Protein backbone atom coordinates (compact mmCIF):
# COMPACT_ATOMS: atom_id res chain seq x y z
CA UNK A 1 -0.17 0.08 -0.18
CA UNK A 2 1.52 3.17 -0.99
CA UNK A 3 2.11 5.96 1.78
CA UNK A 4 0.21 9.01 1.42
CA UNK A 5 1.51 12.25 2.54
CA UNK A 6 0.15 16.00 2.95
CA UNK A 7 1.83 18.66 1.18
CA UNK A 8 2.87 19.91 4.95
CA UNK A 9 4.85 16.59 5.30
CA UNK A 10 6.59 16.94 2.30
CA UNK A 11 8.67 20.06 3.47
CA UNK A 12 10.27 18.50 6.20
CA UNK A 13 13.86 18.61 4.26
CA UNK A 14 15.89 21.03 5.15
CA UNK A 15 17.58 23.51 2.10
CA UNK A 16 20.71 21.93 2.45
CA UNK A 17 19.47 18.71 1.90
CA UNK A 18 17.39 19.70 -0.92
CA UNK A 19 20.44 21.33 -2.51
CA UNK A 20 22.27 18.13 -1.85
CA UNK A 21 19.45 15.95 -3.61
CA UNK A 22 19.60 17.91 -6.63
CA UNK A 23 23.17 18.10 -7.14
CA UNK A 24 23.34 14.16 -6.77
CA UNK A 25 20.68 14.18 -9.60
CA UNK A 26 22.44 16.65 -11.86
CA UNK A 27 25.66 14.61 -11.45
CA UNK A 28 24.19 11.36 -12.29
CA UNK A 29 22.26 12.80 -15.00
CA UNK A 30 25.41 14.19 -16.55
CA UNK A 31 27.88 11.19 -16.27
CA UNK A 32 24.58 8.97 -17.80
CA UNK A 33 23.84 11.39 -20.73
CA UNK A 34 27.07 12.84 -21.84
CA UNK A 35 28.69 9.70 -23.51
CA UNK A 36 25.71 9.62 -26.07
CA UNK A 37 26.20 13.35 -26.95
CA UNK A 38 29.81 12.85 -27.21
CA UNK A 39 29.02 9.93 -29.61
CA UNK A 40 26.17 11.91 -31.42
CA UNK A 41 28.77 14.92 -32.07
CA UNK A 42 31.65 12.77 -33.59
CA UNK A 43 29.04 11.08 -35.77
CA UNK A 44 28.35 14.73 -37.14
CA UNK A 45 31.76 15.74 -37.36
CA UNK A 46 32.83 12.56 -39.20
CA UNK A 47 29.84 13.68 -42.06
CA UNK A 48 31.32 16.92 -42.81
CA UNK A 49 33.97 19.49 -41.75
CA UNK A 50 32.35 23.30 -41.63
CA UNK A 51 34.04 26.33 -42.19
CA UNK A 52 36.00 28.13 -39.19
CA UNK A 53 33.29 30.63 -38.84
CA UNK A 54 30.20 27.92 -38.43
CA UNK A 55 29.62 26.47 -35.42
CA UNK A 56 26.92 24.34 -33.93
CA UNK A 57 24.68 22.95 -30.79
CA UNK A 58 25.00 20.07 -28.62
CA UNK A 59 23.13 19.29 -25.44
CA UNK A 60 23.89 16.36 -22.94
CA UNK A 61 20.42 16.58 -21.14
CA UNK A 62 21.30 19.11 -18.98
CA UNK A 63 23.28 22.02 -20.83
CA UNK A 64 23.60 23.37 -23.95
CA UNK A 65 27.07 23.75 -25.33
CA UNK A 66 28.01 25.83 -28.69
CA UNK A 67 30.96 24.08 -30.25
CA UNK A 68 33.50 25.48 -33.23
CA UNK A 69 33.76 22.92 -36.17
CA UNK A 70 37.46 23.21 -37.22
CA UNK A 71 38.04 24.36 -40.94
CA UNK A 72 39.56 20.80 -41.52
CA UNK A 73 39.16 17.64 -39.35
CA UNK A 74 42.62 16.92 -37.20
CA UNK A 75 44.37 13.63 -38.22
CA UNK A 76 45.73 13.62 -34.66
CA UNK A 77 43.13 12.47 -32.11
CA UNK A 78 44.66 14.62 -29.53
CA UNK A 79 45.48 17.91 -32.14
CA UNK A 80 41.95 19.32 -31.68
CA UNK A 81 39.08 19.72 -29.58
CA UNK A 82 37.58 16.54 -28.46
CA UNK A 83 33.99 17.19 -30.73
CA UNK A 84 36.45 17.55 -33.95
CA UNK A 85 38.54 14.30 -33.35
CA UNK A 86 38.09 11.85 -35.95
CA UNK A 87 39.02 7.94 -35.32
CA UNK A 88 40.90 6.42 -38.05
CA UNK A 89 38.19 3.98 -38.96
CA UNK A 90 34.55 4.63 -40.41
CA UNK A 91 31.73 4.63 -37.45
CA UNK A 92 28.72 2.91 -38.32
CA UNK A 93 26.04 3.91 -35.94
CA UNK A 94 25.95 4.44 -32.22
CA UNK A 95 26.77 1.22 -30.94
CA UNK A 96 29.95 0.92 -33.44
CA UNK A 97 30.85 4.49 -32.39
CA UNK A 98 30.64 3.39 -28.85
CA UNK A 99 33.17 0.66 -29.27
CA UNK A 100 35.22 2.21 -31.53
CA UNK A 101 35.66 5.28 -29.87
CA UNK A 102 36.43 3.69 -26.81
CA UNK A 103 39.27 1.54 -28.37
CA UNK A 104 40.93 4.23 -30.20
CA UNK A 105 41.00 6.82 -27.58
CA UNK A 106 39.99 5.26 -24.23
CA UNK A 107 36.80 4.88 -22.46
CA UNK A 108 37.65 8.62 -20.85
CA UNK A 109 36.80 9.59 -24.10
CA UNK A 110 33.34 9.16 -23.84
CA UNK A 111 33.10 11.83 -21.17
CA UNK A 112 34.79 14.44 -22.85
CA UNK A 113 33.13 18.04 -22.30
CA UNK A 114 31.61 16.75 -18.66
CA UNK A 115 33.92 19.51 -16.87
CA UNK A 116 32.30 22.36 -18.37
CA UNK A 117 28.85 20.93 -17.88
CA UNK A 118 29.46 20.70 -14.36
CA UNK A 119 30.66 24.15 -13.90
CA UNK A 120 27.20 25.60 -14.88
CA UNK A 121 25.05 22.68 -14.70
CA UNK A 122 25.48 21.86 -11.15
CA UNK A 123 24.58 25.23 -9.48
CA UNK A 124 21.95 25.91 -12.15
CA UNK A 125 20.53 22.80 -10.79
CA UNK A 126 20.74 22.91 -7.34
CA UNK A 127 18.97 26.77 -7.80
CA UNK A 128 16.24 25.43 -9.53
CA UNK A 129 15.24 22.13 -7.84
CA UNK A 130 15.82 23.97 -4.42
CA UNK A 131 13.75 27.22 -5.57
CA UNK A 132 11.05 24.45 -6.90
CA UNK A 133 10.68 22.85 -3.25
CA UNK A 134 10.48 26.04 -1.47
CA UNK A 135 8.13 27.86 -3.62
CA UNK A 136 5.92 24.76 -3.71
CA UNK A 137 5.78 24.47 0.18
CA UNK A 138 5.13 28.35 0.34
CA UNK A 139 2.13 28.09 -2.44
CA UNK A 140 0.73 24.94 -0.61
CA UNK A 141 1.00 26.74 2.56
CA UNK A 142 -1.10 29.93 1.62
CA UNK A 143 -3.04 28.91 -1.57
CA UNK A 144 -4.20 25.16 0.09
CA UNK A 145 -4.82 26.67 3.34
CA UNK A 146 -6.01 23.65 5.41
CA UNK A 147 -6.77 21.51 2.81
CA UNK A 148 -4.62 18.79 2.72
CA UNK A 149 -5.15 17.52 -0.89
CA UNK A 150 -1.89 18.54 -3.06
CA UNK A 151 -2.54 20.39 -6.11
CA UNK A 152 -0.73 19.78 -9.61
CA UNK A 153 -1.54 23.39 -10.57
CA UNK A 154 0.87 24.88 -7.57
CA UNK A 155 3.61 22.38 -9.13
CA UNK A 156 3.37 23.91 -12.20
CA UNK A 157 3.08 27.49 -11.06
CA UNK A 158 6.42 26.88 -8.55
CA UNK A 159 8.06 25.09 -11.65
CA UNK A 160 7.86 28.34 -14.03
CA UNK A 161 8.68 30.77 -11.13
CA UNK A 162 11.67 28.44 -10.09
CA UNK A 163 12.72 28.33 -13.60
CA UNK A 164 12.58 32.31 -14.12
CA UNK A 165 14.83 32.74 -10.89
CA UNK A 166 17.64 30.41 -12.08
CA UNK A 167 17.64 31.21 -15.62
CA UNK A 168 18.10 34.77 -14.37
CA UNK A 169 20.79 34.16 -12.07
CA UNK A 170 22.92 31.73 -14.16
CA UNK A 171 22.76 33.89 -17.59
CA UNK A 172 25.70 35.79 -17.29
CA UNK A 173 27.50 32.70 -16.20
CA UNK A 174 26.13 31.24 -19.25
CA UNK A 175 27.65 34.20 -21.30
CA UNK A 176 31.03 33.70 -20.01
CA UNK A 177 31.00 30.01 -20.54
CA UNK A 178 29.72 30.94 -24.15
CA UNK A 179 32.76 33.05 -24.72
CA UNK A 180 35.41 30.62 -23.39
CA UNK A 181 34.44 28.33 -25.54
CA UNK A 182 34.38 30.55 -28.81
CA UNK A 183 38.12 31.41 -28.34
CA UNK A 184 41.02 30.54 -26.03
CA UNK A 185 41.67 33.40 -23.68
CA UNK A 186 42.66 33.54 -20.16
CA UNK A 187 40.65 34.81 -17.41
CA UNK A 188 42.25 38.27 -17.16
CA UNK A 189 41.40 38.40 -21.34
CA UNK A 190 37.96 37.14 -20.57
CA UNK A 191 37.50 39.88 -17.69
CA UNK A 192 38.56 42.63 -20.15
CA UNK A 193 36.11 41.52 -22.78
CA UNK A 194 33.42 41.51 -20.13
CA UNK A 195 34.17 44.84 -19.27
CA UNK A 196 34.10 46.00 -22.51
CA UNK A 197 30.57 44.12 -23.22
CA UNK A 198 29.20 46.11 -20.09
CA UNK A 199 30.69 49.55 -21.16
CA UNK A 200 29.28 49.31 -24.52
CA UNK A 201 25.98 47.17 -24.06
CA UNK A 202 25.27 48.21 -20.18
CA UNK A 203 24.84 45.55 -17.77
CA UNK A 204 21.90 44.40 -19.48
CA UNK A 205 24.19 43.21 -22.15
CA UNK A 206 25.33 40.38 -19.62
CA UNK A 207 21.56 38.88 -19.81
CA UNK A 208 21.90 38.32 -23.63
CA UNK A 209 19.66 35.42 -24.65
CA UNK A 210 17.83 35.49 -21.67
CA UNK A 211 14.11 36.28 -23.32
CA UNK A 212 14.43 33.00 -25.59
CA UNK A 213 15.83 31.06 -22.73
CA UNK A 214 13.30 31.91 -20.60
CA UNK A 215 10.43 31.23 -23.61
CA UNK A 216 11.58 27.99 -24.08
CA UNK A 217 12.61 26.81 -20.28
CA UNK A 218 9.38 28.33 -18.17
CA UNK A 219 6.96 26.96 -20.48
CA UNK A 220 8.55 23.39 -20.22
CA UNK A 221 9.18 23.52 -16.53
CA UNK A 222 5.36 24.29 -16.10
CA UNK A 223 4.18 21.53 -18.32
CA UNK A 224 6.63 19.10 -16.62
CA UNK A 225 5.90 19.78 -13.11
CA UNK A 226 2.22 20.27 -13.86
CA UNK A 227 2.20 16.88 -15.69
CA UNK A 228 4.48 15.20 -12.99
CA UNK A 229 2.63 16.26 -9.90
CA UNK A 230 -0.81 14.94 -11.52
CA UNK A 231 0.78 11.90 -12.19
CA UNK A 232 1.75 11.65 -8.67
CA UNK A 233 -1.82 11.98 -7.46
CA UNK A 234 -3.61 9.92 -9.95
CA UNK A 235 -1.25 6.81 -8.64
CA UNK A 236 -1.38 7.97 -5.15
CA UNK A 237 2.17 8.48 -5.05
CA UNK A 238 3.06 11.15 -3.00
CA UNK A 239 5.84 9.63 -1.78
CA UNK A 240 6.98 8.14 -4.83
CA UNK A 241 9.06 4.63 -5.44
CA UNK A 242 11.87 4.64 -7.46
CA UNK A 243 10.38 2.65 -10.47
CA UNK A 244 7.18 5.52 -10.38
CA UNK A 245 9.81 8.32 -10.76
CA UNK A 246 11.42 6.75 -13.72
CA UNK A 247 8.33 6.34 -15.77
CA UNK A 248 6.74 9.56 -14.38
CA UNK A 249 9.91 11.67 -15.26
CA UNK A 250 10.37 10.34 -18.89
CA UNK A 251 6.38 10.70 -19.50
CA UNK A 252 6.09 14.38 -18.53
CA UNK A 253 9.71 15.24 -19.95
CA UNK A 254 8.20 13.54 -23.15
CA UNK A 255 4.96 15.93 -22.88
CA UNK A 256 7.03 18.78 -22.01
CA UNK A 257 9.28 18.59 -24.81
CA UNK A 258 6.81 17.86 -27.62
CA UNK A 259 4.62 20.84 -26.46
CA UNK A 260 7.76 23.14 -26.31
CA UNK A 261 9.42 22.22 -29.51
CA UNK A 262 8.73 25.30 -31.68
CA UNK A 263 10.49 27.20 -28.78
CA UNK A 264 13.48 24.97 -28.81
CA UNK A 265 14.16 25.28 -31.90
CA UNK A 266 13.96 28.89 -31.96
CA UNK A 267 16.14 28.92 -28.96
CA UNK A 268 18.52 26.62 -31.08
CA UNK A 269 18.82 29.26 -33.92
CA UNK A 270 19.60 32.02 -31.55
CA UNK A 271 22.23 30.44 -29.50
CA UNK A 272 23.76 29.32 -32.95
CA UNK A 273 23.56 33.07 -33.90
CA UNK A 274 25.33 33.96 -31.18
CA UNK A 275 28.01 31.60 -31.54
CA UNK A 276 28.64 32.57 -35.14
CA UNK A 277 29.18 36.12 -34.05
CA UNK A 278 31.55 35.18 -31.55
CA UNK A 279 33.68 32.98 -33.92
CA UNK A 280 33.54 35.31 -36.89
CA UNK A 281 33.63 38.72 -34.90
CA UNK A 282 30.82 39.83 -36.88
CA UNK A 283 27.40 41.26 -35.86
CA UNK A 284 24.10 41.07 -37.74
CA UNK A 285 20.70 42.02 -37.06
CA UNK A 286 18.90 39.09 -35.14
CA UNK A 287 14.81 38.77 -35.91
CA UNK A 288 12.63 38.78 -32.49
CA UNK A 289 11.10 35.35 -31.24
CA UNK A 290 7.64 36.22 -33.05
CA UNK A 291 9.45 37.00 -36.36
CA UNK A 292 11.72 33.54 -36.11
CA UNK A 293 8.47 31.68 -35.75
CA UNK A 294 6.48 33.18 -38.75
CA UNK A 295 9.73 32.92 -40.93
CA UNK A 296 10.06 29.30 -39.84
CA UNK A 297 6.61 28.74 -40.76
CA UNK A 298 6.67 30.26 -44.10
CA UNK A 299 9.32 28.41 -45.03
CA UNK A 300 8.36 25.17 -44.09
CA UNK A 301 5.09 25.17 -42.43
CA UNK A 302 4.44 22.86 -38.95
CA UNK A 303 6.78 20.44 -39.79
CA UNK A 304 9.65 23.28 -39.58
CA UNK A 305 8.55 24.15 -36.44
CA UNK A 306 8.71 20.77 -34.88
CA UNK A 307 11.64 19.68 -36.61
CA UNK A 308 13.90 17.26 -34.58
CA UNK A 309 11.22 15.37 -32.27
CA UNK A 310 12.56 12.28 -32.22
CA UNK A 311 16.01 13.29 -31.36
CA UNK A 312 14.78 15.71 -28.91
CA UNK A 313 12.66 13.11 -26.99
CA UNK A 314 15.24 10.82 -26.97
CA UNK A 315 17.56 13.18 -25.13
CA UNK A 316 14.89 14.58 -22.92
CA UNK A 317 12.88 11.44 -21.83
CA UNK A 318 15.92 9.47 -20.27
CA UNK A 319 17.37 12.64 -19.01
CA UNK A 320 14.21 13.59 -17.09
CA UNK A 321 13.61 10.27 -16.07
CA UNK A 322 17.44 9.91 -14.57
CA UNK A 323 17.19 13.43 -12.71
CA UNK A 324 13.89 13.10 -11.27
CA UNK A 325 14.41 9.69 -9.81
CA UNK A 326 17.73 10.02 -8.28
CA UNK A 327 16.51 13.59 -6.93
CA UNK A 328 13.61 11.77 -5.26
CA UNK A 329 15.59 8.95 -4.35
CA UNK A 330 18.02 11.53 -2.36
CA UNK A 331 14.85 13.37 -0.69
CA UNK A 332 13.35 9.75 0.44
CA UNK A 333 17.12 8.85 1.89
CA UNK A 334 17.09 12.14 3.65
CA UNK A 335 13.57 11.93 5.05
CA UNK A 336 14.07 8.19 6.29
CA UNK A 337 17.20 9.33 7.87
CA UNK A 338 15.60 12.35 9.52
CA UNK A 339 12.95 10.03 10.91
CA UNK A 340 14.85 7.48 12.01
CA UNK A 341 16.97 10.27 14.31
CA UNK A 342 13.63 11.44 15.39
CA UNK A 343 12.27 7.91 16.61
CA UNK A 344 15.68 7.25 18.16
CA UNK A 345 15.70 10.29 20.27
CA UNK A 346 12.00 9.22 21.30
CA UNK A 347 12.67 5.99 22.84
CA UNK A 348 12.71 6.22 26.60
CA UNK A 349 16.32 5.96 28.19
CA UNK A 350 17.05 2.69 30.20
CA UNK A 351 16.33 2.98 34.13
CA UNK A 352 19.23 1.93 36.26
CA UNK A 353 18.73 -1.36 37.99
CA UNK A 354 18.48 -0.63 42.01
CA UNK A 355 20.57 -3.23 43.80
CA UNK A 356 18.76 -4.64 46.99
């Protein structure tokens, strides 16, 4: 029989415990998903070598990365960035690429690019999930009042607000990371570039790309948490099992990923435009989000707005399943540990025996 908990009972974790839980989920998600994106990128690099001013976008389930294509692929596997290193044999599909890359370059090559992901993804995820938990607790307290029944609408609202907050805090660091990916520079040089950016464009320039990011990520978060919390209510899983979180996380990620795909297409176009400007030192007038949606629709119709649906779901669904299941498991661990400590402290102390 599934244990049912009231909203108040779900707020018994300390913020530090929520942060550790989300950090654990982000770390495990990055470790599991990075090899798949390394293989995907290397297969793409095998097919074509772009001009030096071109770039492409890849995502390992937690973070988007803008990568610069080499003018010609390096014949030495260690002579270029990991995403432009060819293997001396032809790669025939995903499984074949896993085997040949690990044999030629070692297993560690499958986790190339993990470090820059963790630098930004971990604090971003910690801020996001901790904010979600705190906002959901506050909204439950003030909107549900005396009701003991949870609401999926509150979960969706908390998810959207938490995403706005996390995107706003992390956007300047995203800009720094993108500039460091664009060209090799020291931290001193990077500081000079950022100062010049602020002096010419103002402090608001540090949040460049904030609008398209919010337009994609906030609706995704609202739909994801709305769907996930609704499944918990329907299946009476307020203290969800590991198996349930795996399935519910994948389903929720699939629903949110499908419905927000047009916004993801726009976000990808926008990021690549920014990357090409950084790589080529050229600027061009960029369309607004609405203008880009209209342009893609006129050129390719509805199909163009939903291009890349299958690979997006193949990335989003397992990433969401891994993230939420490990996150909920870590929360359950802390909750059970706290309950054990309370029960242990409430036991009566043994009385000393009297000697007659």
